[in-house]
């Protein structure tokens, strides 16, 4: 959220994490941001009370199951470790240089089954995941 001091402070770490995971996993992991003051439905759906908040929607659940990031220390290293653990748990494999173009060409529906959307600021509704044009 643009007016949230804590959100603005964490944004460089968030951007670095997104860039690193996109480079390693391509579109297999979706990172999304939602402004909870603008989208109260999504914030309420996932019980967001403070900002920034970060969640992961469990693959294959249509957004009905999620995990909230609740670290002792809210920093780059803690978030990266959390996401790496989820990637391992869901057996998401990195893309290789040879596969990168074809991975980017996958239709959104094919990538979502293995995706771990992480949200900064607020939670996301599945309708927003399915409509990538809203997110870009």
Protein backbone atom coordinates (compact mmCIF):
# COMPACT_ATOMS: atom_id res chain seq x y z
CA UNK A 1 0.00 0.00 0.00
CA UNK A 2 1.52 3.30 -1.05
CA UNK A 3 0.75 5.17 2.20
CA UNK A 4 1.88 2.38 4.55
CA UNK A 5 5.33 3.08 6.01
CA UNK A 6 5.96 -0.62 6.71
CA UNK A 7 4.89 -1.63 3.20
CA UNK A 8 7.18 0.96 1.62
CA UNK A 9 10.05 -0.12 3.89
CA UNK A 10 9.70 -3.80 2.92
CA UNK A 11 9.22 -3.13 -0.82
CA UNK A 12 12.94 -3.38 -1.82
CA UNK A 13 13.18 -6.82 -0.18
CA UNK A 14 9.89 -7.86 -1.80
CA UNK A 15 11.06 -6.75 -5.25
CA UNK A 16 14.36 -8.62 -4.84
CA UNK A 17 12.56 -11.81 -3.81
CA UNK A 18 10.14 -11.57 -6.74
CA UNK A 19 13.00 -11.01 -9.20
CA UNK A 20 15.03 -13.93 -7.85
CA UNK A 21 12.16 -16.41 -7.83
CA UNK A 22 10.95 -15.31 -11.28
CA UNK A 23 14.47 -15.86 -12.64
CA UNK A 24 14.68 -19.34 -11.08
CA UNK A 25 11.08 -20.58 -11.46
CA UNK A 26 9.59 -18.46 -14.26
CA UNK A 27 5.79 -18.49 -14.17
CA UNK A 28 5.59 -21.55 -11.92
CA UNK A 29 5.20 -19.19 -8.96
CA UNK A 30 2.92 -16.16 -9.12
CA UNK A 31 3.66 -13.11 -6.98
CA UNK A 32 0.81 -10.66 -6.61
CA UNK A 33 0.16 -7.46 -4.70
CA UNK A 34 -3.23 -6.23 -3.62
CA UNK A 35 -4.00 -2.93 -1.93
CA UNK A 36 -6.22 -3.95 0.98
CA UNK A 37 -7.68 -0.50 1.39
CA UNK A 38 -8.94 -0.67 -2.19
CA UNK A 39 -9.97 -4.35 -2.20
CA UNK A 40 -11.69 -4.96 1.14
CA UNK A 41 -13.33 -8.18 -0.12
CA UNK A 42 -9.96 -9.84 -0.58
CA UNK A 43 -8.58 -8.47 2.69
CA UNK A 44 -11.62 -9.70 4.61
CA UNK A 45 -11.61 -13.10 2.87
CA UNK A 46 -8.11 -13.82 4.16
CA UNK A 47 -8.42 -12.11 7.53
CA UNK A 48 -5.97 -9.31 6.84
CA UNK A 49 -5.93 -6.84 9.71
CA UNK A 50 -2.50 -5.21 9.30
CA UNK A 51 -0.15 -4.24 6.51
CA UNK A 52 1.89 -5.54 4.92
CA UNK A 53 0.58 -9.07 5.18
CA UNK A 54 1.84 -11.97 3.11
CA UNK A 55 0.04 -15.20 2.30
CA UNK A 56 0.41 -18.20 0.05
CA UNK A 57 -2.62 -19.73 -1.63
CA UNK A 58 -2.30 -23.50 -1.55
CA UNK A 59 -2.13 -25.00 -5.07
CA UNK A 60 -5.28 -26.71 -6.27
CA UNK A 61 -7.56 -25.21 -3.59
CA UNK A 62 -9.19 -22.39 -5.55
CA UNK A 63 -7.98 -20.01 -2.85
CA UNK A 64 -9.90 -21.78 -0.08
CA UNK A 65 -6.71 -22.75 1.80
CA UNK A 66 -3.86 -20.42 2.52
CA UNK A 67 -0.88 -19.91 4.78
CA UNK A 68 0.01 -16.61 6.38
CA UNK A 69 3.64 -15.61 6.84
CA UNK A 70 4.15 -14.88 10.54
CA UNK A 71 7.91 -14.52 11.05
CA UNK A 72 9.82 -13.48 14.14
CA UNK A 73 11.82 -11.14 11.92
CA UNK A 74 10.21 -9.60 8.86
CA UNK A 75 13.14 -9.38 6.49
CA UNK A 76 14.45 -10.58 3.14
CA UNK A 77 16.22 -13.69 4.50
CA UNK A 78 13.21 -14.87 6.52
CA UNK A 79 10.80 -14.47 3.62
CA UNK A 80 13.13 -16.17 1.14
CA UNK A 81 13.57 -19.13 3.52
CA UNK A 82 9.78 -19.40 3.94
CA UNK A 83 9.15 -19.42 0.19
CA UNK A 84 11.99 -21.90 -0.44
CA UNK A 85 10.37 -24.24 2.11
CA UNK A 86 7.04 -24.01 0.30
CA UNK A 87 8.71 -24.61 -3.06
CA UNK A 88 10.35 -27.74 -1.63
CA UNK A 89 7.10 -28.91 0.01
CA UNK A 90 5.18 -28.62 -3.27
CA UNK A 91 8.06 -30.04 -5.32
CA UNK A 92 8.25 -27.09 -7.69
CA UNK A 93 11.29 -27.47 -9.90
CA UNK A 94 13.33 -24.57 -11.27
CA UNK A 95 13.21 -23.88 -14.96
CA UNK A 96 16.35 -24.48 -17.00
CA UNK A 97 17.72 -22.12 -19.59
CA UNK A 98 16.50 -24.45 -22.33
CA UNK A 99 12.98 -24.58 -20.87
CA UNK A 100 12.60 -20.90 -20.05
CA UNK A 101 10.92 -19.84 -23.32
CA UNK A 102 8.46 -22.74 -23.27
CA UNK A 103 7.68 -22.20 -19.58
CA UNK A 104 6.83 -18.59 -20.30
CA UNK A 105 4.53 -19.72 -23.10
CA UNK A 106 2.41 -21.93 -20.83
CA UNK A 107 -1.19 -20.81 -20.51
CA UNK A 108 -2.04 -19.28 -17.15
CA UNK A 109 -4.38 -22.13 -16.23
CA UNK A 110 -1.57 -24.66 -16.65
CA UNK A 111 0.80 -22.72 -14.43
CA UNK A 112 -1.64 -22.09 -11.59
CA UNK A 113 -1.86 -25.71 -10.46
CA UNK A 114 1.79 -25.55 -9.38
CA UNK A 115 1.78 -21.87 -8.48
CA UNK A 116 2.31 -20.47 -5.01
CA UNK A 117 0.90 -16.96 -5.16
CA UNK A 118 2.38 -14.72 -2.51
CA UNK A 119 0.69 -11.47 -1.75
CA UNK A 120 2.10 -8.30 -0.32
CA UNK A 121 -0.17 -5.85 1.37
CA UNK A 122 -3.33 -7.91 1.10
CA UNK A 123 -4.70 -11.24 0.09
CA UNK A 124 -5.92 -11.98 -3.41
CA UNK A 125 -9.12 -13.41 -4.79
CA UNK A 126 -8.93 -16.26 -7.29
CA UNK A 127 -10.76 -14.08 -9.80
CA UNK A 128 -7.72 -11.79 -9.75
CA UNK A 129 -5.36 -14.70 -10.35
CA UNK A 130 -7.39 -15.91 -13.29
CA UNK A 131 -7.52 -12.46 -14.86
CA UNK A 132 -3.84 -11.59 -15.26
CA UNK A 133 -4.73 -8.39 -17.08
CA UNK A 134 -6.03 -6.93 -13.81
CA UNK A 135 -2.74 -7.75 -12.12
CA UNK A 136 -0.39 -6.32 -14.73
